[in-house]
C-alpha atoms as a PDB file:
ATOM      1  CA  MET A   1       0.490 -66.408  62.147  1.00  0.00           C
ATOM      2  CA  ALA A   2       2.203 -69.201  64.054  1.00  0.00           C
ATOM      3  CA  MET A   3       0.192 -71.810  65.934  1.00  0.00           C
ATOM      4  CA  VAL A   4      -0.311 -70.747  69.550  1.00  0.00           C
ATOM      5  CA  LEU A   5      -1.915 -72.198  72.694  1.00  0.00           C
ATOM      6  CA  MET A   6      -3.163 -69.734  75.325  1.00  0.00           C
ATOM      7  CA  SER A   7      -4.910 -69.694  78.692  1.00  0.00           C
ATOM      8  CA  GLN A   8      -6.841 -66.925  80.396  1.00  0.00           C
ATOM      9  CA  ALA A   9      -5.580 -68.391  83.698  1.00  0.00           C
ATOM     10  CA  PHE A  10      -1.797 -68.091  83.238  1.00  0.00           C
ATOM     11  CA  VAL A  11       0.832 -66.893  80.783  1.00  0.00           C
ATOM     12  CA  ASP A  12       3.507 -69.012  79.147  1.00  0.00           C
ATOM     13  CA  GLY A  13       6.203 -69.667  81.734  1.00  0.00           C
ATOM     14  CA  GLY A  14       4.008 -68.325  84.531  1.00  0.00           C
ATOM     15  CA  ALA A  15       2.526 -69.896  87.640  1.00  0.00           C
ATOM     16  CA  ILE A  16      -0.634 -71.976  87.332  1.00  0.00           C
ATOM     17  CA  PRO A  17      -3.254 -70.628  89.761  1.00  0.00           C
ATOM     18  CA  THR A  18      -4.060 -72.871  92.734  1.00  0.00           C
ATOM     19  CA  ARG A  19      -7.645 -73.310  91.488  1.00  0.00           C
ATOM     20  CA  TYR A  20      -6.378 -75.683  88.767  1.00  0.00           C
ATOM     21  CA  THR A  21      -4.270 -77.842  91.124  1.00  0.00           C
ATOM     22  CA  CYS A  22      -4.743 -80.489  93.822  1.00  0.00           C
ATOM     23  CA  GLU A  23      -4.630 -77.718  96.423  1.00  0.00           C
ATOM     24  CA  GLY A  24      -7.603 -75.981  94.806  1.00  0.00           C
ATOM     25  CA  GLU A  25     -10.610 -77.159  92.817  1.00  0.00           C
ATOM     26  CA  ASP A  26      -8.442 -79.444  90.650  1.00  0.00           C
ATOM     27  CA  CYS A  27     -10.394 -78.312  87.596  1.00  0.00           C
ATOM     28  CA  SER A  28      -8.929 -78.066  84.120  1.00  0.00           C
ATOM     29  CA  PRO A  29      -7.757 -74.602  83.034  1.00  0.00           C
ATOM     30  CA  PRO A  30      -9.329 -72.650  80.180  1.00  0.00           C
ATOM     31  CA  LEU A  31      -7.418 -73.159  76.941  1.00  0.00           C
ATOM     32  CA  SER A  32      -7.762 -71.662  73.479  1.00  0.00           C
ATOM     33  CA  TRP A  33      -5.720 -71.752  70.298  1.00  0.00           C
ATOM     34  CA  ALA A  34      -5.084 -69.749  67.166  1.00  0.00           C
ATOM     35  CA  GLY A  35      -3.003 -69.885  64.013  1.00  0.00           C
ATOM     36  CA  LEU A  36      -3.780 -73.514  63.221  1.00  0.00           C
ATOM     37  CA  PRO A  37      -2.229 -74.796  59.991  1.00  0.00           C
ATOM     38  CA  GLU A  38      -4.413 -75.078  56.926  1.00  0.00           C
ATOM     39  CA  GLY A  39      -5.855 -78.569  56.711  1.00  0.00           C
ATOM     40  CA  THR A  40      -6.182 -79.081  60.470  1.00  0.00           C
ATOM     41  CA  ALA A  41      -8.863 -81.750  60.942  1.00  0.00           C
ATOM     42  CA  SER A  42      -8.428 -82.340  64.674  1.00  0.00           C
ATOM     43  CA  LEU A  43      -6.268 -81.460  67.666  1.00  0.00           C
ATOM     44  CA  VAL A  44      -4.546 -83.476  70.378  1.00  0.00           C
ATOM     45  CA  LEU A  45      -3.779 -82.029  73.818  1.00  0.00           C
ATOM     46  CA  ILE A  46      -1.312 -83.675  76.171  1.00  0.00           C
ATOM     47  CA  ILE A  47      -0.487 -82.076  79.515  1.00  0.00           C
ATOM     48  CA  ASP A  48       2.518 -83.558  81.244  1.00  0.00           C
ATOM     49  CA  ASP A  49       5.158 -82.921  83.873  1.00  0.00           C
ATOM     50  CA  PRO A  50       8.718 -83.946  82.934  1.00  0.00           C
ATOM     51  CA  ASP A  51      10.017 -83.023  86.406  1.00  0.00           C
ATOM     52  CA  ALA A  52       8.450 -85.941  88.311  1.00  0.00           C
ATOM     53  CA  PRO A  53       8.929 -86.718  91.053  1.00  0.00           C
ATOM     54  CA  ASP A  54      11.667 -84.193  91.921  1.00  0.00           C
ATOM     55  CA  PRO A  55      12.892 -81.462  89.528  1.00  0.00           C
ATOM     56  CA  ALA A  56      16.415 -81.927  90.926  1.00  0.00           C
ATOM     57  CA  ALA A  57      16.308 -85.632  89.951  1.00  0.00           C
ATOM     58  CA  PRO A  58      13.467 -86.278  87.475  1.00  0.00           C
ATOM     59  CA  ARG A  59      12.761 -89.944  86.786  1.00  0.00           C
ATOM     60  CA  MET A  60       9.614 -89.900  84.657  1.00  0.00           C
ATOM     61  CA  VAL A  61       7.143 -87.856  82.670  1.00  0.00           C
ATOM     62  CA  TRP A  62       3.802 -87.695  84.518  1.00  0.00           C
ATOM     63  CA  ASN A  63       0.769 -87.330  82.224  1.00  0.00           C
ATOM     64  CA  HIS A  64      -2.006 -85.123  83.618  1.00  0.00           C
ATOM     65  CA  TRP A  65      -4.547 -85.029  80.776  1.00  0.00           C
ATOM     66  CA  ILE A  66      -4.749 -86.606  77.332  1.00  0.00           C
ATOM     67  CA  LEU A  67      -7.349 -85.517  74.775  1.00  0.00           C
ATOM     68  CA  TYR A  68      -7.715 -86.317  71.087  1.00  0.00           C
ATOM     69  CA  ASN A  69     -10.085 -85.363  68.266  1.00  0.00           C
ATOM     70  CA  LEU A  70     -10.578 -81.882  69.664  1.00  0.00           C
ATOM     71  CA  PRO A  71     -12.418 -79.786  67.070  1.00  0.00           C
ATOM     72  CA  PRO A  72     -10.183 -77.023  65.682  1.00  0.00           C
ATOM     73  CA  THR A  73     -12.978 -74.463  66.233  1.00  0.00           C
ATOM     74  CA  ALA A  74     -13.624 -75.300  69.912  1.00  0.00           C
ATOM     75  CA  ASP A  75     -11.998 -73.839  73.006  1.00  0.00           C
ATOM     76  CA  LEU A  76     -11.851 -75.499  76.416  1.00  0.00           C
ATOM     77  CA  VAL A  77     -13.533 -73.556  79.209  1.00  0.00           C
ATOM     78  CA  ALA A  78     -12.345 -73.792  82.810  1.00  0.00           C
ATOM     79  CA  GLY A  79     -13.553 -77.083  84.231  1.00  0.00           C
ATOM     80  CA  ALA A  80     -14.235 -78.628  80.796  1.00  0.00           C
ATOM     81  CA  ALA A  81     -12.893 -81.957  82.066  1.00  0.00           C
ATOM     82  CA  THR A  82     -15.953 -82.337  84.280  1.00  0.00           C
ATOM     83  CA  SER A  83     -18.503 -79.945  82.771  1.00  0.00           C
ATOM     84  CA  GLY A  84     -18.365 -81.476  79.319  1.00  0.00           C
ATOM     85  CA  LEU A  85     -15.953 -81.765  76.457  1.00  0.00           C
ATOM     86  CA  PRO A  86     -16.974 -81.010  72.875  1.00  0.00           C
ATOM     87  CA  PRO A  87     -18.773 -83.904  71.147  1.00  0.00           C
ATOM     88  CA  GLY A  88     -16.476 -86.533  69.656  1.00  0.00           C
ATOM     89  CA  VAL A  89     -13.484 -85.783  71.881  1.00  0.00           C
ATOM     90  CA  GLY A  90     -11.635 -88.867  73.095  1.00  0.00           C
ATOM     91  CA  GLU A  91      -9.686 -89.131  76.337  1.00  0.00           C
ATOM     92  CA  GLY A  92      -6.568 -91.120  77.042  1.00  0.00           C
ATOM     93  CA  ILE A  93      -5.322 -92.771  80.205  1.00  0.00           C
ATOM     94  CA  ASN A  94      -3.247 -90.434  82.398  1.00  0.00           C
ATOM     95  CA  SER A  95      -0.481 -91.454  84.800  1.00  0.00           C
ATOM     96  CA  TRP A  96      -3.021 -92.065  87.557  1.00  0.00           C
ATOM     97  CA  GLY A  97      -4.405 -94.857  85.350  1.00  0.00           C
ATOM     98  CA  ARG A  98      -7.691 -93.089  84.638  1.00  0.00           C
ATOM     99  CA  ILE A  99      -9.225 -90.717  82.132  1.00  0.00           C
ATOM    100  CA  GLY A 100      -9.803 -87.077  83.002  1.00  0.00           C
ATOM    101  CA  TYR A 101      -7.807 -84.148  84.231  1.00  0.00           C
ATOM    102  CA  GLY A 102      -5.496 -84.361  87.223  1.00  0.00           C
ATOM    103  CA  GLY A 103      -4.068 -81.006  88.205  1.00  0.00           C
ATOM    104  CA  PRO A 104      -0.535 -80.183  89.294  1.00  0.00           C
ATOM    105  CA  CYS A 105       0.338 -81.758  92.644  1.00  0.00           C
ATOM    106  CA  PRO A 106       4.133 -81.911  92.848  1.00  0.00           C
ATOM    107  CA  PRO A 107       5.531 -83.829  95.827  1.00  0.00           C
ATOM    108  CA  ILE A 108       8.576 -81.556  96.009  1.00  0.00           C
ATOM    109  CA  GLY A 109       9.854 -78.405  94.338  1.00  0.00           C
ATOM    110  CA  CYS A 110       8.562 -76.290  91.491  1.00  0.00           C
ATOM    111  CA  HIS A 111       7.497 -78.350  88.482  1.00  0.00           C
ATOM    112  CA  ARG A 112       6.874 -77.391  84.862  1.00  0.00           C
ATOM    113  CA  TYR A 113       3.626 -78.432  83.184  1.00  0.00           C
ATOM    114  CA  PHE A 114       3.770 -78.673  79.401  1.00  0.00           C
ATOM    115  CA  HIS A 115       0.428 -78.199  77.650  1.00  0.00           C
ATOM    116  CA  CYS A 116       1.285 -79.583  74.190  1.00  0.00           C
ATOM    117  CA  LEU A 117      -1.164 -79.041  71.351  1.00  0.00           C
ATOM    118  CA  TYR A 118      -0.808 -80.962  68.094  1.00  0.00           C
ATOM    119  CA  ALA A 119      -2.650 -80.172  64.855  1.00  0.00           C
ATOM    120  CA  LEU A 120      -3.464 -83.285  62.840  1.00  0.00           C
ATOM    121  CA  ASP A 121      -4.562 -83.668  59.245  1.00  0.00           C
ATOM    122  CA  VAL A 122      -7.022 -86.436  60.234  1.00  0.00           C
ATOM    123  CA  ILE A 123      -9.666 -87.258  62.797  1.00  0.00           C
ATOM    124  CA  LEU A 124      -8.319 -90.259  64.681  1.00  0.00           C
ATOM    125  CA  PRO A 125     -10.439 -93.431  64.673  1.00  0.00           C
ATOM    126  CA  SER A 126     -12.772 -93.897  67.634  1.00  0.00           C
ATOM    127  CA  GLU A 127     -11.408 -97.455  67.897  1.00  0.00           C
ATOM    128  CA  LEU A 128      -8.495 -95.907  69.781  1.00  0.00           C
ATOM    129  CA  GLY A 129     -10.764 -95.926  72.821  1.00  0.00           C
ATOM    130  CA  THR A 130      -8.776 -94.709  75.828  1.00  0.00           C
ATOM    131  CA  PRO A 131      -5.152 -94.850  74.676  1.00  0.00           C
ATOM    132  CA  THR A 132      -2.056 -94.287  76.741  1.00  0.00           C
ATOM    133  CA  ARG A 133       0.146 -91.362  75.774  1.00  0.00           C
ATOM    134  CA  ASP A 134       2.485 -93.655  73.847  1.00  0.00           C
ATOM    135  CA  GLU A 135      -0.380 -95.356  71.978  1.00  0.00           C
ATOM    136  CA  LEU A 136      -1.762 -91.954  71.018  1.00  0.00           C
ATOM    137  CA  LEU A 137       1.629 -90.718  69.805  1.00  0.00           C
ATOM    138  CA  ILE A 138       1.911 -93.793  67.565  1.00  0.00           C
ATOM    139  CA  ALA A 139      -1.581 -93.180  66.146  1.00  0.00           C
ATOM    140  CA  MET A 140      -0.642 -89.540  65.440  1.00  0.00           C
ATOM    141  CA  GLU A 141       2.542 -90.481  63.588  1.00  0.00           C
ATOM    142  CA  ASP A 142       2.677 -89.086  60.045  1.00  0.00           C
ATOM    143  CA  HIS A 143      -0.392 -86.885  60.710  1.00  0.00           C
ATOM    144  CA  ILE A 144       1.109 -84.002  62.733  1.00  0.00           C
ATOM    145  CA  ILE A 145       1.029 -80.786  60.721  1.00  0.00           C
ATOM    146  CA  GLY A 146       1.665 -78.370  63.591  1.00  0.00           C
ATOM    147  CA  ARG A 147       2.666 -78.247  67.249  1.00  0.00           C
ATOM    148  CA  THR A 148       2.820 -75.658  69.990  1.00  0.00           C
ATOM    149  CA  GLU A 149       3.047 -75.612  73.761  1.00  0.00           C
ATOM    150  CA  LEU A 150       2.133 -73.552  76.772  1.00  0.00           C
ATOM    151  CA  VAL A 151       4.203 -74.088  79.897  1.00  0.00           C
ATOM    152  CA  GLY A 152       2.978 -73.346  83.399  1.00  0.00           C
ATOM    153  CA  THR A 153       4.721 -73.873  86.711  1.00  0.00           C
ATOM    154  CA  TYR A 154       3.495 -74.898  90.135  1.00  0.00           C
ATOM    155  CA  GLU A 155       4.929 -75.476  93.585  1.00  0.00           C
ATOM    156  CA  LYS A 156       2.799 -76.533  96.533  1.00  0.00           C
ATOM    157  CA  ALA A 157       2.318 -74.033  99.350  1.00  0.00           C
ATOM    158  CA  SER A 158       4.605 -74.586 102.333  1.00  0.00           C
ATOM    159  CA  ILE A 159       3.107 -76.582 105.168  1.00  0.00           C
END
């Protein structure tokens, strides 16, 4: 079985419900995984938007949530960002310059939100603290044994 990332809230390529965005509760969506490679010691989750600020003229990748040292046996329930992550999970700095989840809030157009899950053969050192996305990717180098993604879309309601 291939590694897969799933959500009870939306299907791959489908719309992310308003509840999980800045126009709703802005809570993190439920996520679960299956088919992890043998030897998976920890997981990394990075949610980002490569369409920022405008899908017609993207200029940056906007990071919404960065997690590392997720236990392979744990799932993330809806609202896990505020209700409690599994013990030992580290959080990185998102594009707002803070830790935690920031839901989709595109300024214009319909954006894609990539929920990328990486299987690692190690548990990353706690000395990482609150890394940026780039710092985390460097720490993961040579330890990635699997990768999958779940893509959701969102466009703000018309005003």
